[in-house]
Amino acid sequence: ARPAHLYFPELGYWFITVAAITWVGMIAASAENMAITTLLGFLAAGSTIAAIAFLTGAGWVETFAGYLLMLSSFTAFYTAAAQLLNANLGRDVLKVGLSQRMREAPPIMSGRWEPGVIHGQK
């Protein structure tokens, strides 16, 4: 018999939903930014493995999911730091792997004194 504390199907079903949404987000992000694609890839894989762990009660699978989710948090820190530093310093301090289309796109600028209005965005 499985230990009761490892078997948590309600959380397993929740992770199925999170995984499905995150896999689609990863595919969409792959057209623009490798850092976000990597982040969402680790998060989707971790969520998928966590769903399996909670539905089956396999403790070692839950541990593996935890490591994947930790990798996603480290990648999230790098991605957020890169985007903040690059945007505020006006140059690439940390690489995020922008696609050719994103490198050639005109910058989107917020209008002064116009909160919520973004000029140049269609």
PDB file of N, CA and C in Angstrom:
ATOM      1  N   ALA A   1       0.839  -1.192   0.000  1.00  0.00           N
ATOM      2  CA  ALA A   1       0.000   0.000   0.000  1.00  0.00           C
ATOM      3  C   ALA A   1       0.879   1.250   0.000  1.00  0.00           C
ATOM      4  N   ARG A   2       0.374   2.270  -0.660  1.00  0.00           N
ATOM      5  CA  ARG A   2       1.101   3.542  -0.713  1.00  0.00           C
ATOM      6  C   ARG A   2       0.919   4.315   0.590  1.00  0.00           C
ATOM      7  N   PRO A   3       1.947   5.055   1.009  1.00  0.00           N
ATOM      8  CA  PRO A   3       1.763   5.923   2.177  1.00  0.00           C
ATOM      9  C   PRO A   3       0.710   6.995   1.852  1.00  0.00           C
ATOM     10  N   ALA A   4      -0.200   7.228   2.760  1.00  0.00           N
ATOM     11  CA  ALA A   4      -1.310   8.154   2.522  1.00  0.00           C
ATOM     12  C   ALA A   4      -0.834   9.578   2.246  1.00  0.00           C
ATOM     13  N   HIS A   5       0.285   9.976   2.845  1.00  0.00           N
ATOM     14  CA  HIS A   5       0.755  11.349   2.665  1.00  0.00           C
ATOM     15  C   HIS A   5       1.328  11.600   1.263  1.00  0.00           C
ATOM     16  N   LEU A   6       1.637  10.560   0.506  1.00  0.00           N
ATOM     17  CA  LEU A   6       2.170  10.736  -0.850  1.00  0.00           C
ATOM     18  C   LEU A   6       1.074  10.737  -1.909  1.00  0.00           C
ATOM     19  N   TYR A   7      -0.074  10.190  -1.592  1.00  0.00           N
ATOM     20  CA  TYR A   7      -1.160  10.053  -2.560  1.00  0.00           C
ATOM     21  C   TYR A   7      -2.122  11.230  -2.384  1.00  0.00           C
ATOM     22  N   PHE A   8      -2.180  12.119  -3.370  1.00  0.00           N
ATOM     23  CA  PHE A   8      -2.975  13.344  -3.272  1.00  0.00           C
ATOM     24  C   PHE A   8      -3.564  13.633  -4.656  1.00  0.00           C
ATOM     25  N   PRO A   9      -4.575  12.864  -5.077  1.00  0.00           N
ATOM     26  CA  PRO A   9      -5.081  12.987  -6.444  1.00  0.00           C
ATOM     27  C   PRO A   9      -5.655  14.362  -6.778  1.00  0.00           C
ATOM     28  N   GLU A  10      -6.228  15.046  -5.797  1.00  0.00           N
ATOM     29  CA  GLU A  10      -6.783  16.382  -6.077  1.00  0.00           C
ATOM     30  C   GLU A  10      -5.681  17.325  -6.574  1.00  0.00           C
ATOM     31  N   LEU A  11      -4.534  17.284  -5.925  1.00  0.00           N
ATOM     32  CA  LEU A  11      -3.412  18.111  -6.346  1.00  0.00           C
ATOM     33  C   LEU A  11      -2.847  17.612  -7.670  1.00  0.00           C
ATOM     34  N   GLY A  12      -2.879  16.311  -7.880  1.00  0.00           N
ATOM     35  CA  GLY A  12      -2.441  15.742  -9.155  1.00  0.00           C
ATOM     36  C   GLY A  12      -3.256  16.263 -10.318  1.00  0.00           C
ATOM     37  N   TYR A  13      -4.586  16.331 -10.163  1.00  0.00           N
ATOM     38  CA  TYR A  13      -5.434  16.856 -11.234  1.00  0.00           C
ATOM     39  C   TYR A  13      -5.191  18.345 -11.468  1.00  0.00           C
ATOM     40  N   TRP A  14      -4.921  19.067 -10.399  1.00  0.00           N
ATOM     41  CA  TRP A  14      -4.599  20.492 -10.541  1.00  0.00           C
ATOM     42  C   TRP A  14      -3.316  20.657 -11.358  1.00  0.00           C
ATOM     43  N   PHE A  15      -2.316  19.825 -11.083  1.00  0.00           N
ATOM     44  CA  PHE A  15      -1.060  19.907 -11.832  1.00  0.00           C
ATOM     45  C   PHE A  15      -1.234  19.512 -13.293  1.00  0.00           C
ATOM     46  N   ILE A  16      -2.195  18.661 -13.612  1.00  0.00           N
ATOM     47  CA  ILE A  16      -2.465  18.339 -15.017  1.00  0.00           C
ATOM     48  C   ILE A  16      -2.878  19.603 -15.764  1.00  0.00           C
ATOM     49  N   THR A  17      -3.760  20.381 -15.160  1.00  0.00           N
ATOM     50  CA  THR A  17      -4.217  21.629 -15.783  1.00  0.00           C
ATOM     51  C   THR A  17      -3.067  22.624 -15.923  1.00  0.00           C
ATOM     52  N   VAL A  18      -2.286  22.783 -14.872  1.00  0.00           N
ATOM     53  CA  VAL A  18      -1.136  23.696 -14.922  1.00  0.00           C
ATOM     54  C   VAL A  18      -0.162  23.250 -16.010  1.00  0.00           C
ATOM     55  N   ALA A  19       0.093  21.961 -16.102  1.00  0.00           N
ATOM     56  CA  ALA A  19       1.026  21.437 -17.104  1.00  0.00           C
ATOM     57  C   ALA A  19       0.521  21.706 -18.516  1.00  0.00           C
ATOM     58  N   ALA A  20      -0.756  21.460 -18.770  1.00  0.00           N
ATOM     59  CA  ALA A  20      -1.304  21.659 -20.109  1.00  0.00           C
ATOM     60  C   ALA A  20      -1.170  23.112 -20.554  1.00  0.00           C
ATOM     61  N   ILE A  21      -1.526  24.029 -19.676  1.00  0.00           N
ATOM     62  CA  ILE A  21      -1.425  25.458 -20.006  1.00  0.00           C
ATOM     63  C   ILE A  21       0.034  25.857 -20.214  1.00  0.00           C
ATOM     64  N   THR A  22       0.918  25.346 -19.379  1.00  0.00           N
ATOM     65  CA  THR A  22       2.329  25.721 -19.457  1.00  0.00           C
ATOM     66  C   THR A  22       3.001  25.155 -20.700  1.00  0.00           C
ATOM     67  N   TRP A  23       2.641  23.935 -21.123  1.00  0.00           N
ATOM     68  CA  TRP A  23       3.202  23.381 -22.362  1.00  0.00           C
ATOM     69  C   TRP A  23       2.821  24.267 -23.554  1.00  0.00           C
ATOM     70  N   VAL A  24       1.563  24.723 -23.609  1.00  0.00           N
ATOM     71  CA  VAL A  24       1.127  25.598 -24.706  1.00  0.00           C
ATOM     72  C   VAL A  24       1.882  26.929 -24.643  1.00  0.00           C
ATOM     73  N   GLY A  25       2.064  27.470 -23.437  1.00  0.00           N
ATOM     74  CA  GLY A  25       2.829  28.706 -23.285  1.00  0.00           C
ATOM     75  C   GLY A  25       4.268  28.551 -23.741  1.00  0.00           C
ATOM     76  N   MET A  26       4.874  27.398 -23.464  1.00  0.00           N
ATOM     77  CA  MET A  26       6.245  27.147 -23.896  1.00  0.00           C
ATOM     78  C   MET A  26       6.339  27.130 -25.419  1.00  0.00           C
ATOM     79  N   ILE A  27       5.377  26.479 -26.058  1.00  0.00           N
ATOM     80  CA  ILE A  27       5.382  26.428 -27.527  1.00  0.00           C
ATOM     81  C   ILE A  27       5.236  27.839 -28.098  1.00  0.00           C
ATOM     82  N   ALA A  28       4.344  28.633 -27.530  1.00  0.00           N
ATOM     83  CA  ALA A  28       4.154  30.007 -28.006  1.00  0.00           C
ATOM     84  C   ALA A  28       5.402  30.852 -27.780  1.00  0.00           C
ATOM     85  N   ALA A  29       6.042  30.703 -26.633  1.00  0.00           N
ATOM     86  CA  ALA A  29       7.227  31.502 -26.311  1.00  0.00           C
ATOM     87  C   ALA A  29       8.411  31.151 -27.194  1.00  0.00           C
ATOM     88  N   SER A  30       8.425  29.946 -27.748  1.00  0.00           N
ATOM     89  CA  SER A  30       9.563  29.526 -28.568  1.00  0.00           C
ATOM     90  C   SER A  30       9.716  30.376 -29.828  1.00  0.00           C
ATOM     91  N   ALA A  31       8.692  31.107 -30.216  1.00  0.00           N
ATOM     92  CA  ALA A  31       8.781  31.983 -31.380  1.00  0.00           C
ATOM     93  C   ALA A  31       9.483  33.296 -31.063  1.00  0.00           C
ATOM     94  N   GLU A  32       9.694  33.577 -29.782  1.00  0.00           N
ATOM     95  CA  GLU A  32      10.236  34.891 -29.437  1.00  0.00           C
ATOM     96  C   GLU A  32      11.462  34.878 -28.532  1.00  0.00           C
ATOM     97  N   ASN A  33      11.489  34.029 -27.503  1.00  0.00           N
ATOM     98  CA  ASN A  33      12.470  34.212 -26.448  1.00  0.00           C
ATOM     99  C   ASN A  33      12.874  32.860 -25.860  1.00  0.00           C
ATOM    100  N   MET A  34      14.143  32.508 -25.976  1.00  0.00           N
ATOM    101  CA  MET A  34      14.612  31.210 -25.483  1.00  0.00           C
ATOM    102  C   MET A  34      14.648  31.133 -23.958  1.00  0.00           C
ATOM    103  N   ALA A  35      14.871  32.242 -23.276  1.00  0.00           N
ATOM    104  CA  ALA A  35      14.899  32.209 -21.814  1.00  0.00           C
ATOM    105  C   ALA A  35      13.521  31.856 -21.262  1.00  0.00           C
ATOM    106  N   ILE A  36      12.480  32.469 -21.806  1.00  0.00           N
ATOM    107  CA  ILE A  36      11.124  32.166 -21.351  1.00  0.00           C
ATOM    108  C   ILE A  36      10.729  30.760 -21.792  1.00  0.00           C
ATOM    109  N   THR A  37      11.164  30.355 -22.985  1.00  0.00           N
ATOM    110  CA  THR A  37      10.888  28.993 -23.450  1.00  0.00           C
ATOM    111  C   THR A  37      11.500  27.976 -22.495  1.00  0.00           C
ATOM    112  N   THR A  38      12.737  28.193 -22.070  1.00  0.00           N
ATOM    113  CA  THR A  38      13.411  27.295 -21.133  1.00  0.00           C
ATOM    114  C   THR A  38      12.699  27.287 -19.785  1.00  0.00           C
ATOM    115  N   LEU A  39      12.365  28.464 -19.297  1.00  0.00           N
ATOM    116  CA  LEU A  39      11.645  28.576 -18.033  1.00  0.00           C
ATOM    117  C   LEU A  39      10.346  27.785 -18.078  1.00  0.00           C
ATOM    118  N   LEU A  40       9.539  28.013 -19.115  1.00  0.00           N
ATOM    119  CA  LEU A  40       8.261  27.313 -19.215  1.00  0.00           C
ATOM    120  C   LEU A  40       8.444  25.820 -19.467  1.00  0.00           C
ATOM    121  N   GLY A  41       9.525  25.429 -20.135  1.00  0.00           N
ATOM    122  CA  GLY A  41       9.804  24.013 -20.347  1.00  0.00           C
ATOM    123  C   GLY A  41      10.060  23.290 -19.034  1.00  0.00           C
ATOM    124  N   PHE A  42      10.899  23.875 -18.185  1.00  0.00           N
ATOM    125  CA  PHE A  42      11.150  23.270 -16.867  1.00  0.00           C
ATOM    126  C   PHE A  42       9.875  23.250 -16.022  1.00  0.00           C
ATOM    127  N   LEU A  43       9.113  24.349 -16.083  1.00  0.00           N
ATOM    128  CA  LEU A  43       7.875  24.424 -15.305  1.00  0.00           C
ATOM    129  C   LEU A  43       6.846  23.406 -15.793  1.00  0.00           C
ATOM    130  N   ALA A  44       6.713  23.265 -17.107  1.00  0.00           N
ATOM    131  CA  ALA A  44       5.763  22.292 -17.663  1.00  0.00           C
ATOM    132  C   ALA A  44       6.182  20.861 -17.336  1.00  0.00           C
ATOM    133  N   ALA A  45       7.470  20.571 -17.482  1.00  0.00           N
ATOM    134  CA  ALA A  45       7.952  19.223 -17.160  1.00  0.00           C
ATOM    135  C   ALA A  45       7.768  18.924 -15.676  1.00  0.00           C
ATOM    136  N   GLY A  46       8.096  19.890 -14.829  1.00  0.00           N
ATOM    137  CA  GLY A  46       7.921  19.704 -13.392  1.00  0.00           C
ATOM    138  C   GLY A  46       6.464  19.499 -13.016  1.00  0.00           C
ATOM    139  N   SER A  47       5.570  20.263 -13.650  1.00  0.00           N
ATOM    140  CA  SER A  47       4.139  20.117 -13.374  1.00  0.00           C
ATOM    141  C   SER A  47       3.618  18.767 -13.848  1.00  0.00           C
ATOM    142  N   THR A  48       4.092  18.322 -14.995  1.00  0.00           N
ATOM    143  CA  THR A  48       3.676  17.021 -15.518  1.00  0.00           C
ATOM    144  C   THR A  48       4.124  15.900 -14.587  1.00  0.00           C
ATOM    145  N   ILE A  49       5.374  15.947 -14.179  1.00  0.00           N
ATOM    146  CA  ILE A  49       5.913  14.919 -13.284  1.00  0.00           C
ATOM    147  C   ILE A  49       5.233  14.995 -11.917  1.00  0.00           C
ATOM    148  N   ALA A  50       4.940  16.215 -11.438  1.00  0.00           N
ATOM    149  CA  ALA A  50       4.243  16.356 -10.154  1.00  0.00           C
ATOM    150  C   ALA A  50       2.847  15.749 -10.229  1.00  0.00           C
ATOM    151  N   ALA A  51       2.167  15.945 -11.358  1.00  0.00           N
ATOM    152  CA  ALA A  51       0.841  15.341 -11.519  1.00  0.00           C
ATOM    153  C   ALA A  51       0.935  13.828 -11.414  1.00  0.00           C
ATOM    154  N   ILE A  52       1.918  13.263 -12.082  1.00  0.00           N
ATOM    155  CA  ILE A  52       2.113  11.809 -12.023  1.00  0.00           C
ATOM    156  C   ILE A  52       2.416  11.371 -10.589  1.00  0.00           C
ATOM    157  N   ALA A  53       3.265  12.144  -9.919  1.00  0.00           N
ATOM    158  CA  ALA A  53       3.650  11.793  -8.546  1.00  0.00           C
ATOM    159  C   ALA A  53       2.447  11.794  -7.612  1.00  0.00           C
ATOM    160  N   PHE A  54       1.628  12.826  -7.667  1.00  0.00           N
ATOM    161  CA  PHE A  54       0.499  12.920  -6.741  1.00  0.00           C
ATOM    162  C   PHE A  54      -0.623  11.954  -7.092  1.00  0.00           C
ATOM    163  N   LEU A  55      -0.741  11.604  -8.364  1.00  0.00           N
ATOM    164  CA  LEU A  55      -1.772  10.639  -8.756  1.00  0.00           C
ATOM    165  C   LEU A  55      -1.376   9.192  -8.431  1.00  0.00           C
ATOM    166  N   THR A  56      -0.080   8.934  -8.410  1.00  0.00           N
ATOM    167  CA  THR A  56       0.380   7.560  -8.158  1.00  0.00           C
ATOM    168  C   THR A  56       0.902   7.355  -6.746  1.00  0.00           C
ATOM    169  N   GLY A  57       1.297   8.433  -6.084  1.00  0.00           N
ATOM    170  CA  GLY A  57       1.851   8.308  -4.740  1.00  0.00           C
ATOM    171  C   GLY A  57       3.298   7.879  -4.717  1.00  0.00           C
ATOM    172  N   ALA A  58       3.998   8.032  -5.835  1.00  0.00           N
ATOM    173  CA  ALA A  58       5.411   7.652  -5.913  1.00  0.00           C
ATOM    174  C   ALA A  58       6.280   8.784  -5.363  1.00  0.00           C
ATOM    175  N   GLY A  59       6.869   8.548  -4.214  1.00  0.00           N
ATOM    176  CA  GLY A  59       7.656   9.581  -3.542  1.00  0.00           C
ATOM    177  C   GLY A  59       8.863  10.046  -4.323  1.00  0.00           C
ATOM    178  N   TRP A  60       9.595   9.131  -4.957  1.00  0.00           N
ATOM    179  CA  TRP A  60      10.794   9.530  -5.706  1.00  0.00           C
ATOM    180  C   TRP A  60      10.412  10.373  -6.917  1.00  0.00           C
ATOM    181  N   VAL A  61       9.237  10.145  -7.495  1.00  0.00           N
ATOM    182  CA  VAL A  61       8.778  10.945  -8.630  1.00  0.00           C
ATOM    183  C   VAL A  61       8.476  12.368  -8.161  1.00  0.00           C
ATOM    184  N   GLU A  62       7.902  12.487  -6.973  1.00  0.00           N
ATOM    185  CA  GLU A  62       7.639  13.805  -6.399  1.00  0.00           C
ATOM    186  C   GLU A  62       8.941  14.572  -6.169  1.00  0.00           C
ATOM    187  N   THR A  63       9.974  13.867  -5.715  1.00  0.00           N
ATOM    188  CA  THR A  63      11.282  14.494  -5.513  1.00  0.00           C
ATOM    189  C   THR A  63      11.853  14.988  -6.834  1.00  0.00           C
ATOM    190  N   PHE A  64      11.747  14.180  -7.873  1.00  0.00           N
ATOM    191  CA  PHE A  64      12.227  14.573  -9.199  1.00  0.00           C
ATOM    192  C   PHE A  64      11.469  15.800  -9.701  1.00  0.00           C
ATOM    193  N   ALA A  65      10.149  15.828  -9.489  1.00  0.00           N
ATOM    194  CA  ALA A  65       9.343  16.987  -9.875  1.00  0.00           C
ATOM    195  C   ALA A  65       9.820  18.236  -9.134  1.00  0.00           C
ATOM    196  N   GLY A  66      10.154  18.065  -7.871  1.00  0.00           N
ATOM    197  CA  GLY A  66      10.652  19.196  -7.084  1.00  0.00           C
ATOM    198  C   GLY A  66      11.930  19.777  -7.658  1.00  0.00           C
ATOM    199  N   TYR A  67      12.828  18.910  -8.107  1.00  0.00           N
ATOM    200  CA  TYR A  67      14.072  19.401  -8.713  1.00  0.00           C
ATOM    201  C   TYR A  67      13.792  20.144 -10.024  1.00  0.00           C
ATOM    202  N   LEU A  68      12.874  19.635 -10.821  1.00  0.00           N
ATOM    203  CA  LEU A  68      12.513  20.333 -12.065  1.00  0.00           C
ATOM    204  C   LEU A  68      11.883  21.688 -11.764  1.00  0.00           C
ATOM    205  N   LEU A  69      11.046  21.747 -10.754  1.00  0.00           N
ATOM    206  CA  LEU A  69      10.420  23.021 -10.385  1.00  0.00           C
ATOM    207  C   LEU A  69      11.447  23.993  -9.805  1.00  0.00           C
ATOM    208  N   MET A  70      12.460  23.469  -9.115  1.00  0.00           N
ATOM    209  CA  MET A  70      13.546  24.336  -8.648  1.00  0.00           C
ATOM    210  C   MET A  70      14.316  24.913  -9.834  1.00  0.00           C
ATOM    211  N   LEU A  71      14.583  24.076 -10.847  1.00  0.00           N
ATOM    212  CA  LEU A  71      15.249  24.574 -12.054  1.00  0.00           C
ATOM    213  C   LEU A  71      14.431  25.675 -12.713  1.00  0.00           C
ATOM    214  N   SER A  72      13.116  25.516 -12.710  1.00  0.00           N
ATOM    215  CA  SER A  72      12.279  26.562 -13.304  1.00  0.00           C
ATOM    216  C   SER A  72      12.380  27.859 -12.501  1.00  0.00           C
ATOM    217  N   SER A  73      12.491  27.760 -11.183  1.00  0.00           N
ATOM    218  CA  SER A  73      12.607  28.988 -10.383  1.00  0.00           C
ATOM    219  C   SER A  73      13.950  29.676 -10.607  1.00  0.00           C
ATOM    220  N   PHE A  74      15.024  28.905 -10.770  1.00  0.00           N
ATOM    221  CA  PHE A  74      16.330  29.506 -11.063  1.00  0.00           C
ATOM    222  C   PHE A  74      16.304  30.179 -12.436  1.00  0.00           C
ATOM    223  N   THR A  75      15.663  29.516 -13.395  1.00  0.00           N
ATOM    224  CA  THR A  75      15.554  30.073 -14.738  1.00  0.00           C
ATOM    225  C   THR A  75      14.672  31.325 -14.722  1.00  0.00           C
ATOM    226  N   ALA A  76      13.633  31.321 -13.900  1.00  0.00           N
ATOM    227  CA  ALA A  76      12.762  32.497 -13.777  1.00  0.00           C
ATOM    228  C   ALA A  76      13.545  33.679 -13.210  1.00  0.00           C
ATOM    229  N   PHE A  77      14.396  33.416 -12.219  1.00  0.00           N
ATOM    230  CA  PHE A  77      15.209  34.494 -11.654  1.00  0.00           C
ATOM    231  C   PHE A  77      16.130  35.084 -12.717  1.00  0.00           C
ATOM    232  N   TYR A  78      16.814  34.219 -13.469  1.00  0.00           N
ATOM    233  CA  TYR A  78      17.708  34.695 -14.524  1.00  0.00           C
ATOM    234  C   TYR A  78      16.937  35.497 -15.569  1.00  0.00           C
ATOM    235  N   THR A  79      15.800  34.974 -16.010  1.00  0.00           N
ATOM    236  CA  THR A  79      15.015  35.633 -17.054  1.00  0.00           C
ATOM    237  C   THR A  79      14.520  36.993 -16.586  1.00  0.00           C
ATOM    238  N   ALA A  80      13.998  37.054 -15.378  1.00  0.00           N
ATOM    239  CA  ALA A  80      13.506  38.323 -14.845  1.00  0.00           C
ATOM    240  C   ALA A  80      14.651  39.328 -14.687  1.00  0.00           C
ATOM    241  N   ALA A  81      15.779  38.866 -14.166  1.00  0.00           N
ATOM    242  CA  ALA A  81      16.938  39.756 -14.009  1.00  0.00           C
ATOM    243  C   ALA A  81      17.414  40.264 -15.369  1.00  0.00           C
ATOM    244  N   ALA A  82      17.476  39.373 -16.344  1.00  0.00           N
ATOM    245  CA  ALA A  82      17.916  39.767 -17.680  1.00  0.00           C
ATOM    246  C   ALA A  82      16.974  40.796 -18.290  1.00  0.00           C
ATOM    247  N   GLN A  83      15.683  40.560 -18.194  1.00  0.00           N
ATOM    248  CA  GLN A  83      14.734  41.496 -18.798  1.00  0.00           C
ATOM    249  C   GLN A  83      14.753  42.839 -18.089  1.00  0.00           C
ATOM    250  N   LEU A  84      14.859  42.845 -16.774  1.00  0.00           N
ATOM    251  CA  LEU A  84      14.928  44.107 -16.040  1.00  0.00           C
ATOM    252  C   LEU A  84      16.204  44.883 -16.362  1.00  0.00           C
ATOM    253  N   LEU A  85      17.330  44.196 -16.292  1.00  0.00           N
ATOM    254  CA  LEU A  85      18.605  44.871 -16.556  1.00  0.00           C
ATOM    255  C   LEU A  85      18.699  45.345 -18.004  1.00  0.00           C
ATOM    256  N   ASN A  86      18.321  44.486 -18.941  1.00  0.00           N
ATOM    257  CA  ASN A  86      18.408  44.858 -20.356  1.00  0.00           C
ATOM    258  C   ASN A  86      17.500  46.040 -20.685  1.00  0.00           C
ATOM    259  N   ALA A  87      16.293  46.048 -20.152  1.00  0.00           N
ATOM    260  CA  ALA A  87      15.346  47.127 -20.444  1.00  0.00           C
ATOM    261  C   ALA A  87      15.789  48.437 -19.805  1.00  0.00           C
ATOM    262  N   ASN A  88      16.276  48.376 -18.585  1.00  0.00           N
ATOM    263  CA  ASN A  88      16.608  49.612 -17.884  1.00  0.00           C
ATOM    264  C   ASN A  88      17.980  50.165 -18.233  1.00  0.00           C
ATOM    265  N   LEU A  89      18.890  49.315 -18.678  1.00  0.00           N
ATOM    266  CA  LEU A  89      20.214  49.808 -19.062  1.00  0.00           C
ATOM    267  C   LEU A  89      20.327  50.054 -20.555  1.00  0.00           C
ATOM    268  N   GLY A  90      19.316  49.636 -21.315  1.00  0.00           N
ATOM    269  CA  GLY A  90      19.287  49.911 -22.749  1.00  0.00           C
ATOM    270  C   GLY A  90      20.265  49.088 -23.568  1.00  0.00           C
ATOM    271  N   ARG A  91      20.760  47.998 -23.012  1.00  0.00           N
ATOM    272  CA  ARG A  91      21.681  47.128 -23.747  1.00  0.00           C
ATOM    273  C   ARG A  91      21.563  45.724 -23.177  1.00  0.00           C
ATOM    274  N   ASP A  92      22.113  44.749 -23.900  1.00  0.00           N
ATOM    275  CA  ASP A  92      22.046  43.366 -23.439  1.00  0.00           C
ATOM    276  C   ASP A  92      23.118  43.102 -22.389  1.00  0.00           C
ATOM    277  N   VAL A  93      22.703  43.047 -21.141  1.00  0.00           N
ATOM    278  CA  VAL A  93      23.604  42.699 -20.045  1.00  0.00           C
ATOM    279  C   VAL A  93      23.634  41.181 -19.898  1.00  0.00           C
ATOM    280  N   LEU A  94      22.456  40.568 -19.921  1.00  0.00           N
ATOM    281  CA  LEU A  94      22.308  39.115 -19.881  1.00  0.00           C
ATOM    282  C   LEU A  94      21.501  38.700 -21.110  1.00  0.00           C
ATOM    283  N   LYS A  95      21.925  37.659 -21.761  1.00  0.00           N
ATOM    284  CA  LYS A  95      21.262  37.207 -22.989  1.00  0.00           C
ATOM    285  C   LYS A  95      19.980  36.444 -22.658  1.00  0.00           C
ATOM    286  N   VAL A  96      18.946  36.671 -23.475  1.00  0.00           N
ATOM    287  CA  VAL A  96      17.694  35.928 -23.321  1.00  0.00           C
ATOM    288  C   VAL A  96      17.356  35.121 -24.569  1.00  0.00           C
ATOM    289  N   GLY A  97      18.164  35.241 -25.614  1.00  0.00           N
ATOM    290  CA  GLY A  97      17.933  34.451 -26.819  1.00  0.00           C
ATOM    291  C   GLY A  97      16.733  34.906 -27.623  1.00  0.00           C
ATOM    292  N   LEU A  98      16.686  36.186 -27.934  1.00  0.00           N
ATOM    293  CA  LEU A  98      15.578  36.698 -28.732  1.00  0.00           C
ATOM    294  C   LEU A  98      15.634  36.155 -30.151  1.00  0.00           C
ATOM    295  N   SER A  99      14.466  35.911 -30.719  1.00  0.00           N
ATOM    296  CA  SER A  99      14.388  35.453 -32.106  1.00  0.00           C
ATOM    297  C   SER A  99      14.752  36.602 -33.039  1.00  0.00           C
ATOM    298  N   GLN A 100      15.050  36.281 -34.285  1.00  0.00           N
ATOM    299  CA  GLN A 100      15.383  37.299 -35.288  1.00  0.00           C
ATOM    300  C   GLN A 100      14.247  38.309 -35.422  1.00  0.00           C
ATOM    301  N   ARG A 101      13.019  37.817 -35.410  1.00  0.00           N
ATOM    302  CA  ARG A 101      11.852  38.692 -35.546  1.00  0.00           C
ATOM    303  C   ARG A 101      11.800  39.699 -34.399  1.00  0.00           C
ATOM    304  N   MET A 102      12.101  39.270 -33.187  1.00  0.00           N
ATOM    305  CA  MET A 102      12.057  40.169 -32.039  1.00  0.00           C
ATOM    306  C   MET A 102      13.234  41.144 -32.039  1.00  0.00           C
ATOM    307  N   ARG A 103      14.394  40.703 -32.541  1.00  0.00           N
ATOM    308  CA  ARG A 103      15.539  41.613 -32.610  1.00  0.00           C
ATOM    309  C   ARG A 103      15.301  42.735 -33.615  1.00  0.00           C
ATOM    310  N   GLU A 104      14.531  42.458 -34.659  1.00  0.00           N
ATOM    311  CA  GLU A 104      14.281  43.453 -35.701  1.00  0.00           C
ATOM    312  C   GLU A 104      13.037  44.295 -35.449  1.00  0.00           C
ATOM    313  N   ALA A 105      12.230  43.939 -34.459  1.00  0.00           N
ATOM    314  CA  ALA A 105      10.989  44.668 -34.192  1.00  0.00           C
ATOM    315  C   ALA A 105      11.296  46.053 -33.633  1.00  0.00           C
ATOM    316  N   PRO A 106      10.503  47.052 -34.028  1.00  0.00           N
ATOM    317  CA  PRO A 106      10.708  48.388 -33.459  1.00  0.00           C
ATOM    318  C   PRO A 106      10.360  48.380 -31.976  1.00  0.00           C
ATOM    319  N   PRO A 107      11.010  49.204 -31.190  1.00  0.00           N
ATOM    320  CA  PRO A 107      10.723  49.217 -29.758  1.00  0.00           C
ATOM    321  C   PRO A 107       9.304  49.721 -29.486  1.00  0.00           C
ATOM    322  N   ILE A 108       8.699  49.195 -28.444  1.00  0.00           N
ATOM    323  CA  ILE A 108       7.383  49.654 -28.011  1.00  0.00           C
ATOM    324  C   ILE A 108       7.616  50.597 -26.850  1.00  0.00           C
ATOM    325  N   MET A 109       7.129  51.803 -26.997  1.00  0.00           N
ATOM    326  CA  MET A 109       7.384  52.829 -25.993  1.00  0.00           C
ATOM    327  C   MET A 109       6.089  53.232 -25.305  1.00  0.00           C
ATOM    328  N   SER A 110       6.147  53.427 -24.000  1.00  0.00           N
ATOM    329  CA  SER A 110       5.000  53.955 -23.268  1.00  0.00           C
ATOM    330  C   SER A 110       4.969  55.457 -23.462  1.00  0.00           C
ATOM    331  N   GLY A 111       3.775  55.985 -23.667  1.00  0.00           N
ATOM    332  CA  GLY A 111       3.633  57.430 -23.827  1.00  0.00           C
ATOM    333  C   GLY A 111       3.768  58.129 -22.490  1.00  0.00           C
ATOM    334  N   ARG A 112       4.412  59.278 -22.505  1.00  0.00           N
ATOM    335  CA  ARG A 112       4.569  60.030 -21.267  1.00  0.00           C
ATOM    336  C   ARG A 112       3.220  60.591 -20.859  1.00  0.00           C
ATOM    337  N   TRP A 113       2.887  60.453 -19.607  1.00  0.00           N
ATOM    338  CA  TRP A 113       1.624  60.914 -19.040  1.00  0.00           C
ATOM    339  C   TRP A 113       0.419  60.198 -19.629  1.00  0.00           C
ATOM    340  N   GLU A 114       0.650  59.023 -20.204  1.00  0.00           N
ATOM    341  CA  GLU A 114      -0.455  58.252 -20.763  1.00  0.00           C
ATOM    342  C   GLU A 114      -0.410  56.831 -20.216  1.00  0.00           C
ATOM    343  N   PRO A 115      -0.809  56.638 -18.981  1.00  0.00           N
ATOM    344  CA  PRO A 115      -0.751  55.298 -18.402  1.00  0.00           C
ATOM    345  C   PRO A 115      -1.647  54.324 -19.175  1.00  0.00           C
ATOM    346  N   GLY A 116      -1.107  53.186 -19.489  1.00  0.00           N
ATOM    347  CA  GLY A 116      -1.870  52.183 -20.200  1.00  0.00           C
ATOM    348  C   GLY A 116      -1.853  52.320 -21.708  1.00  0.00           C
ATOM    349  N   VAL A 117      -1.270  53.403 -22.226  1.00  0.00           N
ATOM    350  CA  VAL A 117      -1.196  53.604 -23.675  1.00  0.00           C
ATOM    351  C   VAL A 117       0.188  53.238 -24.133  1.00  0.00           C
ATOM    352  N   ILE A 118       0.286  52.341 -25.106  1.00  0.00           N
ATOM    353  CA  ILE A 118       1.572  51.929 -25.629  1.00  0.00           C
ATOM    354  C   ILE A 118       1.624  52.302 -27.103  1.00  0.00           C
ATOM    355  N   HIS A 119       2.555  53.161 -27.464  1.00  0.00           N
ATOM    356  CA  HIS A 119       2.709  53.600 -28.846  1.00  0.00           C
ATOM    357  C   HIS A 119       3.525  52.596 -29.634  1.00  0.00           C
ATOM    358  N   GLY A 120       3.121  52.310 -30.863  1.00  0.00           N
ATOM    359  CA  GLY A 120       3.861  51.407 -31.721  1.00  0.00           C
ATOM    360  C   GLY A 120       3.370  49.973 -31.667  1.00  0.00           C
ATOM    361  N   GLN A 121       2.419  49.702 -30.794  1.00  0.00           N
ATOM    362  CA  GLN A 121       1.877  48.342 -30.701  1.00  0.00           C
ATOM    363  C   GLN A 121       0.583  48.268 -31.483  1.00  0.00           C
ATOM    364  N   LYS A 122       0.442  47.189 -32.241  1.00  0.00           N
ATOM    365  CA  LYS A 122      -0.776  47.036 -33.048  1.00  0.00           C
ATOM    366  C   LYS A 122      -1.738  46.105 -32.379  1.00  0.00           C
TER     367      LYS A 122
END
